[in-house]
Full PDB file with SEQRES, HELIX, SHEET, SSBOND, CRYST1, ORIGX, SCALE, CONECT and MASTER records, all heavy atoms in Angstrom:
SEQRES   1 A   31  PRO PHE ARG LYS ALA ARG VAL CYS LEU CYS GLY GLU GLN          
SEQRES   2 A   31  MET ASP ALA ALA ALA ASP GLU SER MET ILE LEU LEU TRP          
SEQRES   3 A   31  TYR LYS LEU SER ASP                                          
HELIX    1 AA1 GLU A   12  SER A   30  1                                  19    
CRYST1    1.000    1.000    1.000  90.00  90.00  90.00 P 1           1          
ORIGX1      1.000000  0.000000  0.000000        0.00000                         
ORIGX2      0.000000  1.000000  0.000000        0.00000                         
ORIGX3      0.000000  0.000000  1.000000        0.00000                         
SCALE1      1.000000  0.000000  0.000000        0.00000                         
SCALE2      0.000000  1.000000  0.000000        0.00000                         
SCALE3      0.000000  0.000000  1.000000        0.00000                         
ATOM      1  N   PRO A   1     112.344  99.116  90.895  1.00  0.00           N  
ATOM      2  CA  PRO A   1     113.479  98.729  90.042  1.00  0.00           C  
ATOM      3  C   PRO A   1     113.588  97.237  89.762  1.00  0.00           C  
ATOM      4  O   PRO A   1     114.263  96.841  88.805  1.00  0.00           O  
ATOM      5  CB  PRO A   1     114.687  99.224  90.843  1.00  0.00           C  
ATOM      6  CG  PRO A   1     114.211  99.269  92.259  1.00  0.00           C  
ATOM      7  CD  PRO A   1     112.775  99.667  92.179  1.00  0.00           C  
ATOM      8  N   PHE A   2     112.954  96.400  90.573  1.00  0.00           N  
ATOM      9  CA  PHE A   2     113.105  94.959  90.389  1.00  0.00           C  
ATOM     10  C   PHE A   2     111.972  94.328  89.579  1.00  0.00           C  
ATOM     11  O   PHE A   2     111.959  93.130  89.345  1.00  0.00           O  
ATOM     12  CB  PHE A   2     113.207  94.271  91.758  1.00  0.00           C  
ATOM     13  CG  PHE A   2     114.390  94.747  92.559  1.00  0.00           C  
ATOM     14  CD1 PHE A   2     114.202  95.537  93.672  1.00  0.00           C  
ATOM     15  CD2 PHE A   2     115.681  94.449  92.169  1.00  0.00           C  
ATOM     16  CE1 PHE A   2     115.280  96.004  94.408  1.00  0.00           C  
ATOM     17  CE2 PHE A   2     116.773  94.906  92.891  1.00  0.00           C  
ATOM     18  CZ  PHE A   2     116.569  95.692  94.020  1.00  0.00           C  
ATOM     19  N   ARG A   3     111.011  95.127  89.183  1.00  0.00           N  
ATOM     20  CA  ARG A   3     109.954  94.624  88.319  1.00  0.00           C  
ATOM     21  C   ARG A   3     110.422  94.575  86.875  1.00  0.00           C  
ATOM     22  O   ARG A   3     111.315  95.314  86.475  1.00  0.00           O  
ATOM     23  CB  ARG A   3     108.705  95.513  88.410  1.00  0.00           C  
ATOM     24  CG  ARG A   3     107.985  95.440  89.743  1.00  0.00           C  
ATOM     25  CD  ARG A   3     106.714  96.276  89.669  1.00  0.00           C  
ATOM     26  NE  ARG A   3     106.030  96.307  90.961  1.00  0.00           N  
ATOM     27  CZ  ARG A   3     104.920  97.003  91.185  1.00  0.00           C  
ATOM     28  NH1 ARG A   3     104.388  97.725  90.210  1.00  0.00           N  
ATOM     29  NH2 ARG A   3     104.360  96.980  92.378  1.00  0.00           N  
ATOM     30  N   LYS A   4     109.798  93.711  86.112  1.00  0.00           N  
ATOM     31  CA  LYS A   4     110.105  93.647  84.693  1.00  0.00           C  
ATOM     32  C   LYS A   4     109.714  94.955  84.023  1.00  0.00           C  
ATOM     33  O   LYS A   4     108.828  95.663  84.486  1.00  0.00           O  
ATOM     34  CB  LYS A   4     109.362  92.480  84.038  1.00  0.00           C  
ATOM     35  CG  LYS A   4     109.854  91.105  84.466  1.00  0.00           C  
ATOM     36  CD  LYS A   4     109.095  90.018  83.720  1.00  0.00           C  
ATOM     37  CE  LYS A   4     109.591  88.638  84.133  1.00  0.00           C  
ATOM     38  NZ  LYS A   4     108.854  87.550  83.415  1.00  0.00           N  
ATOM     39  N   ALA A   5     110.380  95.241  82.923  1.00  0.00           N  
ATOM     40  CA  ALA A   5     110.054  96.460  82.180  1.00  0.00           C  
ATOM     41  C   ALA A   5     108.596  96.432  81.742  1.00  0.00           C  
ATOM     42  O   ALA A   5     108.076  95.394  81.332  1.00  0.00           O  
ATOM     43  CB  ALA A   5     110.964  96.596  80.972  1.00  0.00           C  
ATOM     44  N   ARG A   6     107.930  97.569  81.858  1.00  0.00           N  
ATOM     45  CA  ARG A   6     106.522  97.662  81.507  1.00  0.00           C  
ATOM     46  C   ARG A   6     106.373  98.368  80.168  1.00  0.00           C  
ATOM     47  O   ARG A   6     107.096  99.313  79.867  1.00  0.00           O  
ATOM     48  CB  ARG A   6     105.771  98.432  82.591  1.00  0.00           C  
ATOM     49  CG  ARG A   6     104.312  98.701  82.307  1.00  0.00           C  
ATOM     50  CD  ARG A   6     103.644  99.318  83.515  1.00  0.00           C  
ATOM     51  NE  ARG A   6     103.454  98.337  84.563  1.00  0.00           N  
ATOM     52  CZ  ARG A   6     103.304  98.636  85.852  1.00  0.00           C  
ATOM     53  NH1 ARG A   6     103.346  99.887  86.244  1.00  0.00           N  
ATOM     54  NH2 ARG A   6     103.115  97.691  86.738  1.00  0.00           N  
ATOM     55  N   VAL A   7     105.427  97.913  79.374  1.00  0.00           N  
ATOM     56  CA  VAL A   7     105.145  98.563  78.096  1.00  0.00           C  
ATOM     57  C   VAL A   7     104.347  99.834  78.363  1.00  0.00           C  
ATOM     58  O   VAL A   7     103.282  99.793  78.985  1.00  0.00           O  
ATOM     59  CB  VAL A   7     104.352  97.630  77.162  1.00  0.00           C  
ATOM     60  CG1 VAL A   7     103.973  98.372  75.884  1.00  0.00           C  
ATOM     61  CG2 VAL A   7     105.177  96.390  76.824  1.00  0.00           C  
ATOM     62  N   CYS A   8     104.866 100.956  77.917  1.00  0.00           N  
ATOM     63  CA  CYS A   8     104.237 102.253  78.168  1.00  0.00           C  
ATOM     64  C   CYS A   8     103.919 102.947  76.848  1.00  0.00           C  
ATOM     65  O   CYS A   8     104.615 102.760  75.846  1.00  0.00           O  
ATOM     66  CB  CYS A   8     105.171 103.147  78.984  1.00  0.00           C  
ATOM     67  SG  CYS A   8     105.637 102.470  80.581  1.00  0.00           S  
ATOM     68  N   LEU A   9     102.886 103.759  76.871  1.00  0.00           N  
ATOM     69  CA  LEU A   9     102.551 104.569  75.703  1.00  0.00           C  
ATOM     70  C   LEU A   9     103.577 105.680  75.542  1.00  0.00           C  
ATOM     71  O   LEU A   9     104.068 106.235  76.527  1.00  0.00           O  
ATOM     72  CB  LEU A   9     101.156 105.181  75.862  1.00  0.00           C  
ATOM     73  CG  LEU A   9      99.999 104.222  76.150  1.00  0.00           C  
ATOM     74  CD1 LEU A   9      98.679 104.992  76.137  1.00  0.00           C  
ATOM     75  CD2 LEU A   9      99.951 103.091  75.140  1.00  0.00           C  
ATOM     76  N   CYS A  10     103.895 106.023  74.326  1.00  0.00           N  
ATOM     77  CA  CYS A  10     104.849 107.096  74.073  1.00  0.00           C  
ATOM     78  C   CYS A  10     104.526 107.737  72.724  1.00  0.00           C  
ATOM     79  O   CYS A  10     103.527 107.398  72.091  1.00  0.00           O  
ATOM     80  CB  CYS A  10     106.283 106.572  74.105  1.00  0.00           C  
ATOM     81  SG  CYS A  10     106.658 105.347  72.819  1.00  0.00           S  
ATOM     82  N   GLY A  11     105.361 108.671  72.290  1.00  0.00           N  
ATOM     83  CA  GLY A  11     105.143 109.316  71.004  1.00  0.00           C  
ATOM     84  C   GLY A  11     104.750 110.771  71.117  1.00  0.00           C  
ATOM     85  O   GLY A  11     104.740 111.358  72.213  1.00  0.00           O  
ATOM     86  N   GLU A  12     104.405 111.377  69.979  1.00  0.00           N  
ATOM     87  CA  GLU A  12     104.103 112.809  69.927  1.00  0.00           C  
ATOM     88  C   GLU A  12     102.919 113.188  70.810  1.00  0.00           C  
ATOM     89  O   GLU A  12     102.928 114.238  71.456  1.00  0.00           O  
ATOM     90  CB  GLU A  12     103.828 113.233  68.487  1.00  0.00           C  
ATOM     91  CG  GLU A  12     105.055 113.182  67.575  1.00  0.00           C  
ATOM     92  CD  GLU A  12     104.749 113.658  66.175  1.00  0.00           C  
ATOM     93  OE1 GLU A  12     103.605 114.107  65.945  1.00  0.00           O  
ATOM     94  OE2 GLU A  12     105.638 113.603  65.318  1.00  0.00           O  
ATOM     95  N   GLN A  13     101.872 112.368  70.816  1.00  0.00           N  
ATOM     96  CA  GLN A  13     100.695 112.690  71.617  1.00  0.00           C  
ATOM     97  C   GLN A  13     101.005 112.655  73.111  1.00  0.00           C  
ATOM     98  O   GLN A  13     100.496 113.460  73.887  1.00  0.00           O  
ATOM     99  CB  GLN A  13      99.551 111.735  71.289  1.00  0.00           C  
ATOM    100  CG  GLN A  13      98.949 111.931  69.906  1.00  0.00           C  
ATOM    101  CD  GLN A  13      98.379 113.322  69.712  1.00  0.00           C  
ATOM    102  OE1 GLN A  13      97.825 113.928  70.623  1.00  0.00           O  
ATOM    103  NE2 GLN A  13      98.505 113.851  68.500  1.00  0.00           N  
ATOM    104  N   MET A  14     101.841 111.718  73.534  1.00  0.00           N  
ATOM    105  CA  MET A  14     102.230 111.660  74.938  1.00  0.00           C  
ATOM    106  C   MET A  14     103.111 112.855  75.288  1.00  0.00           C  
ATOM    107  O   MET A  14     102.996 113.421  76.383  1.00  0.00           O  
ATOM    108  CB  MET A  14     102.960 110.345  75.217  1.00  0.00           C  
ATOM    109  CG  MET A  14     103.067 109.987  76.688  1.00  0.00           C  
ATOM    110  SD  MET A  14     101.486 109.830  77.546  1.00  0.00           S  
ATOM    111  CE  MET A  14     100.773 108.409  76.717  1.00  0.00           C  
ATOM    112  N   ASP A  15     103.962 113.272  74.360  1.00  0.00           N  
ATOM    113  CA  ASP A  15     104.773 114.476  74.580  1.00  0.00           C  
ATOM    114  C   ASP A  15     103.874 115.697  74.766  1.00  0.00           C  
ATOM    115  O   ASP A  15     104.088 116.517  75.670  1.00  0.00           O  
ATOM    116  CB  ASP A  15     105.708 114.721  73.386  1.00  0.00           C  
ATOM    117  CG  ASP A  15     106.848 113.715  73.313  1.00  0.00           C  
ATOM    118  OD1 ASP A  15     107.017 112.922  74.266  1.00  0.00           O  
ATOM    119  OD2 ASP A  15     107.568 113.721  72.294  1.00  0.00           O  
ATOM    120  N   ALA A  16     102.859 115.820  73.906  1.00  0.00           N  
ATOM    121  CA  ALA A  16     101.939 116.956  73.996  1.00  0.00           C  
ATOM    122  C   ALA A  16     101.158 116.911  75.306  1.00  0.00           C  
ATOM    123  O   ALA A  16     100.939 117.947  75.954  1.00  0.00           O  
ATOM    124  CB  ALA A  16     100.980 116.955  72.804  1.00  0.00           C  
ATOM    125  N   ALA A  17     100.729 115.716  75.704  1.00  0.00           N  
ATOM    126  CA  ALA A  17      99.989 115.583  76.966  1.00  0.00           C  
ATOM    127  C   ALA A  17     100.861 115.974  78.149  1.00  0.00           C  
ATOM    128  O   ALA A  17     100.392 116.606  79.107  1.00  0.00           O  
ATOM    129  CB  ALA A  17      99.489 114.152  77.129  1.00  0.00           C  
ATOM    130  N   ALA A  18     102.148 115.607  78.113  1.00  0.00           N  
ATOM    131  CA  ALA A  18     103.070 115.973  79.195  1.00  0.00           C  
ATOM    132  C   ALA A  18     103.264 117.485  79.249  1.00  0.00           C  
ATOM    133  O   ALA A  18     103.291 118.088  80.332  1.00  0.00           O  
ATOM    134  CB  ALA A  18     104.419 115.279  78.994  1.00  0.00           C  
ATOM    135  N   ASP A  19     103.387 118.125  78.079  1.00  0.00           N  
ATOM    136  CA  ASP A  19     103.542 119.582  78.030  1.00  0.00           C  
ATOM    137  C   ASP A  19     102.284 120.282  78.539  1.00  0.00           C  
ATOM    138  O   ASP A  19     102.361 121.250  79.310  1.00  0.00           O  
ATOM    139  CB  ASP A  19     103.856 120.030  76.606  1.00  0.00           C  
ATOM    140  CG  ASP A  19     105.217 119.538  76.127  1.00  0.00           C  
ATOM    141  OD1 ASP A  19     106.067 119.218  76.976  1.00  0.00           O  
ATOM    142  OD2 ASP A  19     105.420 119.463  74.891  1.00  0.00           O  
ATOM    143  N   GLU A  20     101.120 119.804  78.116  1.00  0.00           N  
ATOM    144  CA  GLU A  20      99.867 120.394  78.595  1.00  0.00           C  
ATOM    145  C   GLU A  20      99.727 120.218  80.103  1.00  0.00           C  
ATOM    146  O   GLU A  20      99.282 121.141  80.812  1.00  0.00           O  
ATOM    147  CB  GLU A  20      98.683 119.743  77.879  1.00  0.00           C  
ATOM    148  CG  GLU A  20      98.553 120.158  76.416  1.00  0.00           C  
ATOM    149  CD  GLU A  20      97.445 119.419  75.693  1.00  0.00           C  
ATOM    150  OE1 GLU A  20      96.961 118.393  76.213  1.00  0.00           O  
ATOM    151  OE2 GLU A  20      97.063 119.868  74.591  1.00  0.00           O  
ATOM    152  N   SER A  21     100.110 119.055  80.595  1.00  0.00           N  
ATOM    153  CA  SER A  21     100.023 118.795  82.035  1.00  0.00           C  
ATOM    154  C   SER A  21     100.902 119.763  82.817  1.00  0.00           C  
ATOM    155  O   SER A  21     100.494 120.296  83.857  1.00  0.00           O  
ATOM    156  CB  SER A  21     100.441 117.349  82.338  1.00  0.00           C  
ATOM    157  OG  SER A  21      99.587 116.425  81.700  1.00  0.00           O  
ATOM    158  N   MET A  22     102.114 120.001  82.324  1.00  0.00           N  
ATOM    159  CA  MET A  22     103.023 120.924  83.003  1.00  0.00           C  
ATOM    160  C   MET A  22     102.481 122.353  83.001  1.00  0.00           C  
ATOM    161  O   MET A  22     102.545 123.063  84.010  1.00  0.00           O  
ATOM    162  CB  MET A  22     104.403 120.875  82.330  1.00  0.00           C  
ATOM    163  CG  MET A  22     105.433 121.839  82.924  1.00  0.00           C  
ATOM    164  SD  MET A  22     105.659 121.675  84.711  1.00  0.00           S  
ATOM    165  CE  MET A  22     106.298 119.998  84.808  1.00  0.00           C  
ATOM    166  N   ILE A  23     101.925 122.771  81.872  1.00  0.00           N  
ATOM    167  CA  ILE A  23     101.359 124.126  81.782  1.00  0.00           C  
ATOM    168  C   ILE A  23     100.171 124.275  82.728  1.00  0.00           C  
ATOM    169  O   ILE A  23     100.053 125.268  83.458  1.00  0.00           O  
ATOM    170  CB  ILE A  23     100.955 124.436  80.330  1.00  0.00           C  
ATOM    171  CG1 ILE A  23     102.205 124.567  79.456  1.00  0.00           C  
ATOM    172  CG2 ILE A  23     100.110 125.708  80.248  1.00  0.00           C  
ATOM    173  CD1 ILE A  23     101.924 124.613  77.967  1.00  0.00           C  
ATOM    174  N   LEU A  24      99.288 123.290  82.742  1.00  0.00           N  
ATOM    175  CA  LEU A  24      98.138 123.332  83.641  1.00  0.00           C  
ATOM    176  C   LEU A  24      98.572 123.348  85.100  1.00  0.00           C  
ATOM    177  O   LEU A  24      98.008 124.070  85.925  1.00  0.00           O  
ATOM    178  CB  LEU A  24      97.227 122.131  83.376  1.00  0.00           C  
ATOM    179  CG  LEU A  24      96.474 122.142  82.042  1.00  0.00           C  
ATOM    180  CD1 LEU A  24      95.817 120.787  81.792  1.00  0.00           C  
ATOM    181  CD2 LEU A  24      95.416 123.244  82.026  1.00  0.00           C  
ATOM    182  N   LEU A  25      99.577 122.560  85.428  1.00  0.00           N  
ATOM    183  CA  LEU A  25     100.086 122.520  86.797  1.00  0.00           C  
ATOM    184  C   LEU A  25     100.668 123.868  87.197  1.00  0.00           C  
ATOM    185  O   LEU A  25     100.441 124.351  88.308  1.00  0.00           O  
ATOM    186  CB  LEU A  25     101.151 121.425  86.922  1.00  0.00           C  
ATOM    187  CG  LEU A  25     101.874 121.347  88.274  1.00  0.00           C  
ATOM    188  CD1 LEU A  25     100.887 120.989  89.382  1.00  0.00           C  
ATOM    189  CD2 LEU A  25     103.014 120.338  88.215  1.00  0.00           C  
ATOM    190  N   TRP A  26     101.404 124.492  86.295  1.00  0.00           N  
ATOM    191  CA  TRP A  26     102.022 125.783  86.590  1.00  0.00           C  
ATOM    192  C   TRP A  26     100.967 126.826  86.966  1.00  0.00           C  
ATOM    193  O   TRP A  26     101.104 127.530  87.974  1.00  0.00           O  
ATOM    194  CB  TRP A  26     102.821 126.257  85.376  1.00  0.00           C  
ATOM    195  CG  TRP A  26     103.392 127.647  85.517  1.00  0.00           C  
ATOM    196  CD1 TRP A  26     102.816 128.815  85.096  1.00  0.00           C  
ATOM    197  CD2 TRP A  26     104.625 128.005  86.129  1.00  0.00           C  
ATOM    198  NE1 TRP A  26     103.625 129.878  85.397  1.00  0.00           N  
ATOM    199  CE2 TRP A  26     104.742 129.414  86.039  1.00  0.00           C  
ATOM    200  CE3 TRP A  26     105.645 127.280  86.739  1.00  0.00           C  
ATOM    201  CZ2 TRP A  26     105.842 130.096  86.544  1.00  0.00           C  
ATOM    202  CZ3 TRP A  26     106.753 127.975  87.239  1.00  0.00           C  
ATOM    203  CH2 TRP A  26     106.830 129.361  87.143  1.00  0.00           C  
ATOM    204  N   TYR A  27      99.914 126.895  86.182  1.00  0.00           N  
ATOM    205  CA  TYR A  27      98.885 127.901  86.462  1.00  0.00           C  
ATOM    206  C   TYR A  27      98.038 127.522  87.679  1.00  0.00           C  
ATOM    207  O   TYR A  27      97.527 128.406  88.381  1.00  0.00           O  
ATOM    208  CB  TYR A  27      98.021 128.121  85.223  1.00  0.00           C  
ATOM    209  CG  TYR A  27      98.746 128.924  84.168  1.00  0.00           C  
ATOM    210  CD1 TYR A  27      99.295 128.307  83.045  1.00  0.00           C  
ATOM    211  CD2 TYR A  27      98.923 130.294  84.312  1.00  0.00           C  
ATOM    212  CE1 TYR A  27      99.988 129.033  82.092  1.00  0.00           C  
ATOM    213  CE2 TYR A  27      99.611 131.026  83.359  1.00  0.00           C  
ATOM    214  CZ  TYR A  27     100.146 130.399  82.263  1.00  0.00           C  
ATOM    215  OH  TYR A  27     100.843 131.128  81.322  1.00  0.00           O  
ATOM    216  N   LYS A  28      97.880 126.216  87.929  1.00  0.00           N  
ATOM    217  CA  LYS A  28      97.187 125.794  89.148  1.00  0.00           C  
ATOM    218  C   LYS A  28      97.983 126.213  90.379  1.00  0.00           C  
ATOM    219  O   LYS A  28      97.413 126.705  91.370  1.00  0.00           O  
ATOM    220  CB  LYS A  28      96.998 124.269  89.141  1.00  0.00           C  
ATOM    221  CG  LYS A  28      96.392 123.702  90.422  1.00  0.00           C  
ATOM    222  CD  LYS A  28      94.966 124.193  90.640  1.00  0.00           C  
ATOM    223  CE  LYS A  28      94.264 123.452  91.755  1.00  0.00           C  
ATOM    224  NZ  LYS A  28      94.861 123.601  93.090  1.00  0.00           N  
ATOM    225  N   LEU A  29      99.298 126.042  90.350  1.00  0.00           N  
ATOM    226  CA  LEU A  29     100.145 126.474  91.460  1.00  0.00           C  
ATOM    227  C   LEU A  29     100.080 127.990  91.635  1.00  0.00           C  
ATOM    228  O   LEU A  29     100.019 128.499  92.761  1.00  0.00           O  
ATOM    229  CB  LEU A  29     101.590 126.037  91.220  1.00  0.00           C  
ATOM    230  CG  LEU A  29     101.869 124.533  91.313  1.00  0.00           C  
ATOM    231  CD1 LEU A  29     103.291 124.224  90.836  1.00  0.00           C  
ATOM    232  CD2 LEU A  29     101.671 124.028  92.745  1.00  0.00           C  
ATOM    233  N   SER A  30     100.073 128.712  90.520  1.00  0.00           N  
ATOM    234  CA  SER A  30      99.968 130.179  90.588  1.00  0.00           C  
ATOM    235  C   SER A  30      98.652 130.595  91.226  1.00  0.00           C  
ATOM    236  O   SER A  30      98.596 131.536  92.032  1.00  0.00           O  
ATOM    237  CB  SER A  30     100.080 130.773  89.179  1.00  0.00           C  
ATOM    238  OG  SER A  30     101.325 130.463  88.594  1.00  0.00           O  
ATOM    239  N   ASP A  31      97.581 129.872  90.901  1.00  0.00           N  
ATOM    240  CA  ASP A  31      96.275 130.156  91.482  1.00  0.00           C  
ATOM    241  C   ASP A  31      96.273 129.852  92.978  1.00  0.00           C  
ATOM    242  O   ASP A  31      95.710 130.613  93.774  1.00  0.00           O  
ATOM    243  CB  ASP A  31      95.208 129.331  90.771  1.00  0.00           C  
ATOM    244  CG  ASP A  31      93.799 129.745  91.161  1.00  0.00           C  
ATOM    245  OD1 ASP A  31      93.470 130.941  91.032  1.00  0.00           O  
ATOM    246  OD2 ASP A  31      93.024 128.879  91.609  1.00  0.00           O  
TER     247      ASP A  31                                                      
MASTER        0    0    0    1    0    0    0    6  246    1    0    3          
END                                                                             
């Protein structure tokens, strides 16, 4: 919390990557 704000990637592609990551994680946990 005490570090300066960091520039991060965002946007539609990052949203899609987050959704894909969650789906992959779900099935990995199921496995």
